[in-house]
Amino acid sequence: MFAPSIMGMISFFIVLAVPISLVILLIWIYRMYKNSEIQVEQNKRIIELLEQFHGESSKEI
């Protein structure tokens, strides 16, 4: 029978940990990218609203 050694088990977990870590890292990078796109759109909208507000407030003076 096969009796796993400690080194064999450690290398097995390392072999599993590397791809899993890579997948988690790629998912995290993708989410950061998507969130930054959303934030850019929100910032553009805020700027538009501020410009509208500034235009309206300068007409009232």
PDB file of N, CA and C in Angstrom:
ATOM      1  N   MET A   1       0.836  -1.193   0.000  1.00  0.00           N
ATOM      2  CA  MET A   1       0.000   0.000   0.000  1.00  0.00           C
ATOM      3  C   MET A   1       0.874   1.246   0.000  1.00  0.00           C
ATOM      4  N   PHE A   2       0.244   2.314  -0.385  1.00  0.00           N
ATOM      5  CA  PHE A   2       0.931   3.598  -0.429  1.00  0.00           C
ATOM      6  C   PHE A   2       0.782   4.296   0.915  1.00  0.00           C
ATOM      7  N   ALA A   3       1.887   4.617   1.511  1.00  0.00           N
ATOM      8  CA  ALA A   3       1.879   5.353   2.775  1.00  0.00           C
ATOM      9  C   ALA A   3       2.404   6.754   2.489  1.00  0.00           C
ATOM     10  N   PRO A   4       1.521   7.760   2.517  1.00  0.00           N
ATOM     11  CA  PRO A   4       1.965   9.112   2.168  1.00  0.00           C
ATOM     12  C   PRO A   4       2.931   9.669   3.207  1.00  0.00           C
ATOM     13  N   SER A   5       3.946  10.281   2.703  1.00  0.00           N
ATOM     14  CA  SER A   5       4.905  10.909   3.601  1.00  0.00           C
ATOM     15  C   SER A   5       4.485  12.359   3.846  1.00  0.00           C
ATOM     16  N   ILE A   6       5.074  12.944   4.827  1.00  0.00           N
ATOM     17  CA  ILE A   6       4.773  14.343   5.148  1.00  0.00           C
ATOM     18  C   ILE A   6       5.154  15.250   3.978  1.00  0.00           C
ATOM     19  N   MET A   7       6.300  15.009   3.377  1.00  0.00           N
ATOM     20  CA  MET A   7       6.740  15.835   2.251  1.00  0.00           C
ATOM     21  C   MET A   7       5.790  15.685   1.062  1.00  0.00           C
ATOM     22  N   GLY A   8       5.300  14.483   0.859  1.00  0.00           N
ATOM     23  CA  GLY A   8       4.355  14.263  -0.227  1.00  0.00           C
ATOM     24  C   GLY A   8       3.056  15.015  -0.005  1.00  0.00           C
ATOM     25  N   MET A   9       2.589  15.019   1.223  1.00  0.00           N
ATOM     26  CA  MET A   9       1.354  15.732   1.539  1.00  0.00           C
ATOM     27  C   MET A   9       1.546  17.238   1.412  1.00  0.00           C
ATOM     28  N   ILE A  10       2.693  17.727   1.856  1.00  0.00           N
ATOM     29  CA  ILE A  10       2.969  19.161   1.758  1.00  0.00           C
ATOM     30  C   ILE A  10       3.029  19.590   0.300  1.00  0.00           C
ATOM     31  N   SER A  11       3.714  18.815  -0.516  1.00  0.00           N
ATOM     32  CA  SER A  11       3.805  19.175  -1.934  1.00  0.00           C
ATOM     33  C   SER A  11       2.437  19.083  -2.607  1.00  0.00           C
ATOM     34  N   PHE A  12       1.609  18.146  -2.194  1.00  0.00           N
ATOM     35  CA  PHE A  12       0.255  18.034  -2.735  1.00  0.00           C
ATOM     36  C   PHE A  12      -0.551  19.291  -2.414  1.00  0.00           C
ATOM     37  N   PHE A  13      -0.465  19.767  -1.181  1.00  0.00           N
ATOM     38  CA  PHE A  13      -1.202  20.966  -0.803  1.00  0.00           C
ATOM     39  C   PHE A  13      -0.654  22.203  -1.507  1.00  0.00           C
ATOM     40  N   ILE A  14       0.640  22.248  -1.732  1.00  0.00           N
ATOM     41  CA  ILE A  14       1.222  23.374  -2.466  1.00  0.00           C
ATOM     42  C   ILE A  14       0.727  23.362  -3.908  1.00  0.00           C
ATOM     43  N   VAL A  15       0.693  22.180  -4.502  1.00  0.00           N
ATOM     44  CA  VAL A  15       0.213  22.062  -5.883  1.00  0.00           C
ATOM     45  C   VAL A  15      -1.251  22.496  -5.976  1.00  0.00           C
ATOM     46  N   LEU A  16      -2.036  22.227  -4.963  1.00  0.00           N
ATOM     47  CA  LEU A  16      -3.430  22.673  -4.961  1.00  0.00           C
ATOM     48  C   LEU A  16      -3.548  24.162  -4.639  1.00  0.00           C
ATOM     49  N   ALA A  17      -2.712  24.654  -3.754  1.00  0.00           N
ATOM     50  CA  ALA A  17      -2.831  26.032  -3.292  1.00  0.00           C
ATOM     51  C   ALA A  17      -2.471  27.042  -4.375  1.00  0.00           C
ATOM     52  N   VAL A  18      -1.511  26.732  -5.213  1.00  0.00           N
ATOM     53  CA  VAL A  18      -1.077  27.693  -6.231  1.00  0.00           C
ATOM     54  C   VAL A  18      -2.194  28.002  -7.231  1.00  0.00           C
ATOM     55  N   PRO A  19      -2.829  27.024  -7.853  1.00  0.00           N
ATOM     56  CA  PRO A  19      -3.906  27.373  -8.798  1.00  0.00           C
ATOM     57  C   PRO A  19      -5.106  28.031  -8.119  1.00  0.00           C
ATOM     58  N   ILE A  20      -5.436  27.576  -6.928  1.00  0.00           N
ATOM     59  CA  ILE A  20      -6.566  28.178  -6.217  1.00  0.00           C
ATOM     60  C   ILE A  20      -6.254  29.637  -5.886  1.00  0.00           C
ATOM     61  N   SER A  21      -5.049  29.905  -5.443  1.00  0.00           N
ATOM     62  CA  SER A  21      -4.648  31.281  -5.142  1.00  0.00           C
ATOM     63  C   SER A  21      -4.669  32.138  -6.401  1.00  0.00           C
ATOM     64  N   LEU A  22      -4.238  31.578  -7.500  1.00  0.00           N
ATOM     65  CA  LEU A  22      -4.235  32.313  -8.762  1.00  0.00           C
ATOM     66  C   LEU A  22      -5.654  32.665  -9.196  1.00  0.00           C
ATOM     67  N   VAL A  23      -6.566  31.732  -9.065  1.00  0.00           N
ATOM     68  CA  VAL A  23      -7.963  31.991  -9.426  1.00  0.00           C
ATOM     69  C   VAL A  23      -8.551  33.080  -8.531  1.00  0.00           C
ATOM     70  N   ILE A  24      -8.292  32.995  -7.247  1.00  0.00           N
ATOM     71  CA  ILE A  24      -8.798  34.009  -6.315  1.00  0.00           C
ATOM     72  C   ILE A  24      -8.216  35.379  -6.655  1.00  0.00           C
ATOM     73  N   LEU A  25      -6.941  35.427  -6.975  1.00  0.00           N
ATOM     74  CA  LEU A  25      -6.298  36.687  -7.344  1.00  0.00           C
ATOM     75  C   LEU A  25      -6.916  37.273  -8.610  1.00  0.00           C
ATOM     76  N   LEU A  26      -7.154  36.440  -9.607  1.00  0.00           N
ATOM     77  CA  LEU A  26      -7.749  36.926 -10.849  1.00  0.00           C
ATOM     78  C   LEU A  26      -9.174  37.422 -10.636  1.00  0.00           C
ATOM     79  N   ILE A  27      -9.941  36.744  -9.808  1.00  0.00           N
ATOM     80  CA  ILE A  27     -11.302  37.197  -9.493  1.00  0.00           C
ATOM     81  C   ILE A  27     -11.250  38.552  -8.789  1.00  0.00           C
ATOM     82  N   TRP A  28     -10.324  38.707  -7.859  1.00  0.00           N
ATOM     83  CA  TRP A  28     -10.190  39.965  -7.122  1.00  0.00           C
ATOM     84  C   TRP A  28      -9.816  41.110  -8.067  1.00  0.00           C
ATOM     85  N   ILE A  29      -8.886  40.852  -8.984  1.00  0.00           N
ATOM     86  CA  ILE A  29      -8.477  41.880  -9.946  1.00  0.00           C
ATOM     87  C   ILE A  29      -9.646  42.260 -10.845  1.00  0.00           C
ATOM     88  N   TYR A  30     -10.422  41.282 -11.294  1.00  0.00           N
ATOM     89  CA  TYR A  30     -11.579  41.558 -12.147  1.00  0.00           C
ATOM     90  C   TYR A  30     -12.606  42.420 -11.412  1.00  0.00           C
ATOM     91  N   ARG A  31     -12.868  42.093 -10.161  1.00  0.00           N
ATOM     92  CA  ARG A  31     -13.832  42.884  -9.384  1.00  0.00           C
ATOM     93  C   ARG A  31     -13.341  44.308  -9.174  1.00  0.00           C
ATOM     94  N   MET A  32     -12.055  44.461  -8.929  1.00  0.00           N
ATOM     95  CA  MET A  32     -11.494  45.807  -8.772  1.00  0.00           C
ATOM     96  C   MET A  32     -11.664  46.604 -10.067  1.00  0.00           C
ATOM     97  N   TYR A  33     -11.430  45.965 -11.193  1.00  0.00           N
ATOM     98  CA  TYR A  33     -11.570  46.621 -12.490  1.00  0.00           C
ATOM     99  C   TYR A  33     -13.016  47.053 -12.725  1.00  0.00           C
ATOM    100  N   LYS A  34     -13.962  46.155 -12.467  1.00  0.00           N
ATOM    101  CA  LYS A  34     -15.372  46.481 -12.673  1.00  0.00           C
ATOM    102  C   LYS A  34     -15.812  47.600 -11.734  1.00  0.00           C
ATOM    103  N   ASN A  35     -15.379  47.548 -10.488  1.00  0.00           N
ATOM    104  CA  ASN A  35     -15.761  48.586  -9.537  1.00  0.00           C
ATOM    105  C   ASN A  35     -15.169  49.935  -9.924  1.00  0.00           C
ATOM    106  N   SER A  36     -13.976  49.939 -10.494  1.00  0.00           N
ATOM    107  CA  SER A  36     -13.379  51.210 -10.893  1.00  0.00           C
ATOM    108  C   SER A  36     -14.151  51.812 -12.062  1.00  0.00           C
ATOM    109  N   GLU A  37     -14.649  50.979 -12.964  1.00  0.00           N
ATOM    110  CA  GLU A  37     -15.475  51.491 -14.064  1.00  0.00           C
ATOM    111  C   GLU A  37     -16.754  52.123 -13.524  1.00  0.00           C
ATOM    112  N   ILE A  38     -17.371  51.473 -12.568  1.00  0.00           N
ATOM    113  CA  ILE A  38     -18.594  52.001 -11.966  1.00  0.00           C
ATOM    114  C   ILE A  38     -18.298  53.324 -11.266  1.00  0.00           C
ATOM    115  N   GLN A  39     -17.184  53.388 -10.575  1.00  0.00           N
ATOM    116  CA  GLN A  39     -16.834  54.612  -9.856  1.00  0.00           C
ATOM    117  C   GLN A  39     -16.563  55.761 -10.824  1.00  0.00           C
ATOM    118  N   VAL A  40     -15.945  55.478 -11.949  1.00  0.00           N
ATOM    119  CA  VAL A  40     -15.700  56.521 -12.949  1.00  0.00           C
ATOM    120  C   VAL A  40     -17.029  57.076 -13.455  1.00  0.00           C
ATOM    121  N   GLU A  41     -17.978  56.206 -13.732  1.00  0.00           N
ATOM    122  CA  GLU A  41     -19.292  56.661 -14.192  1.00  0.00           C
ATOM    123  C   GLU A  41     -19.991  57.492 -13.118  1.00  0.00           C
ATOM    124  N   GLN A  42     -19.887  57.068 -11.871  1.00  0.00           N
ATOM    125  CA  GLN A  42     -20.494  57.831 -10.781  1.00  0.00           C
ATOM    126  C   GLN A  42     -19.842  59.207 -10.660  1.00  0.00           C
ATOM    127  N   ASN A  43     -18.537  59.259 -10.799  1.00  0.00           N
ATOM    128  CA  ASN A  43     -17.833  60.539 -10.712  1.00  0.00           C
ATOM    129  C   ASN A  43     -18.246  61.474 -11.846  1.00  0.00           C
ATOM    130  N   LYS A  44     -18.418  60.926 -13.045  1.00  0.00           N
ATOM    131  CA  LYS A  44     -18.875  61.752 -14.166  1.00  0.00           C
ATOM    132  C   LYS A  44     -20.248  62.336 -13.875  1.00  0.00           C
ATOM    133  N   ARG A  45     -21.118  61.528 -13.319  1.00  0.00           N
ATOM    134  CA  ARG A  45     -22.473  61.996 -12.992  1.00  0.00           C
ATOM    135  C   ARG A  45     -22.427  63.075 -11.906  1.00  0.00           C
ATOM    136  N   ILE A  46     -21.584  62.895 -10.925  1.00  0.00           N
ATOM    137  CA  ILE A  46     -21.441  63.899  -9.864  1.00  0.00           C
ATOM    138  C   ILE A  46     -20.950  65.218 -10.451  1.00  0.00           C
ATOM    139  N   ILE A  47     -19.995  65.151 -11.352  1.00  0.00           N
ATOM    140  CA  ILE A  47     -19.477  66.365 -11.985  1.00  0.00           C
ATOM    141  C   ILE A  47     -20.574  67.059 -12.779  1.00  0.00           C
ATOM    142  N   GLU A  48     -21.375  66.285 -13.511  1.00  0.00           N
ATOM    143  CA  GLU A  48     -22.484  66.875 -14.266  1.00  0.00           C
ATOM    144  C   GLU A  48     -23.461  67.586 -13.331  1.00  0.00           C
ATOM    145  N   LEU A  49     -23.794  66.943 -12.229  1.00  0.00           N
ATOM    146  CA  LEU A  49     -24.728  67.547 -11.282  1.00  0.00           C
ATOM    147  C   LEU A  49     -24.143  68.808 -10.655  1.00  0.00           C
ATOM    148  N   LEU A  50     -22.860  68.774 -10.336  1.00  0.00           N
ATOM    149  CA  LEU A  50     -22.222  69.966  -9.768  1.00  0.00           C
ATOM    150  C   LEU A  50     -22.192  71.111 -10.777  1.00  0.00           C
ATOM    151  N   GLU A  51     -21.937  70.784 -12.033  1.00  0.00           N
ATOM    152  CA  GLU A  51     -21.945  71.828 -13.062  1.00  0.00           C
ATOM    153  C   GLU A  51     -23.341  72.411 -13.230  1.00  0.00           C
ATOM    154  N   GLN A  52     -24.367  71.562 -13.181  1.00  0.00           N
ATOM    155  CA  GLN A  52     -25.741  72.059 -13.269  1.00  0.00           C
ATOM    156  C   GLN A  52     -26.061  72.947 -12.072  1.00  0.00           C
ATOM    157  N   PHE A  53     -25.668  72.514 -10.902  1.00  0.00           N
ATOM    158  CA  PHE A  53     -25.927  73.288  -9.692  1.00  0.00           C
ATOM    159  C   PHE A  53     -25.201  74.627  -9.744  1.00  0.00           C
ATOM    160  N   HIS A  54     -23.970  74.599 -10.208  1.00  0.00           N
ATOM    161  CA  HIS A  54     -23.195  75.837 -10.304  1.00  0.00           C
ATOM    162  C   HIS A  54     -23.840  76.786 -11.313  1.00  0.00           C
ATOM    163  N   GLY A  55     -24.318  76.255 -12.414  1.00  0.00           N
ATOM    164  CA  GLY A  55     -24.980  77.086 -13.422  1.00  0.00           C
ATOM    165  C   GLY A  55     -26.259  77.701 -12.890  1.00  0.00           C
ATOM    166  N   GLU A  56     -27.040  76.940 -12.152  1.00  0.00           N
ATOM    167  CA  GLU A  56     -28.291  77.447 -11.594  1.00  0.00           C
ATOM    168  C   GLU A  56     -28.026  78.468 -10.492  1.00  0.00           C
ATOM    169  N   SER A  57     -27.017  78.229  -9.676  1.00  0.00           N
ATOM    170  CA  SER A  57     -26.753  79.148  -8.569  1.00  0.00           C
ATOM    171  C   SER A  57     -26.169  80.463  -9.071  1.00  0.00           C
ATOM    172  N   SER A  58     -25.426  80.442 -10.165  1.00  0.00           N
ATOM    173  CA  SER A  58     -24.860  81.690 -10.681  1.00  0.00           C
ATOM    174  C   SER A  58     -25.936  82.539 -11.361  1.00  0.00           C
ATOM    175  N   LYS A  59     -27.006  81.931 -11.858  1.00  0.00           N
ATOM    176  CA  LYS A  59     -28.101  82.679 -12.478  1.00  0.00           C
ATOM    177  C   LYS A  59     -28.941  83.391 -11.432  1.00  0.00           C
ATOM    178  N   GLU A  60     -29.007  82.838 -10.234  1.00  0.00           N
ATOM    179  CA  GLU A  60     -29.838  83.418  -9.187  1.00  0.00           C
ATOM    180  C   GLU A  60     -29.199  84.644  -8.568  1.00  0.00           C
ATOM    181  N   ILE A  61     -27.913  84.789  -8.685  1.00  0.00           N
ATOM    182  CA  ILE A  61     -27.219  85.909  -8.030  1.00  0.00           C
ATOM    183  C   ILE A  61     -27.353  87.174  -8.826  1.00  0.00           C
TER     184      ILE A  61
END
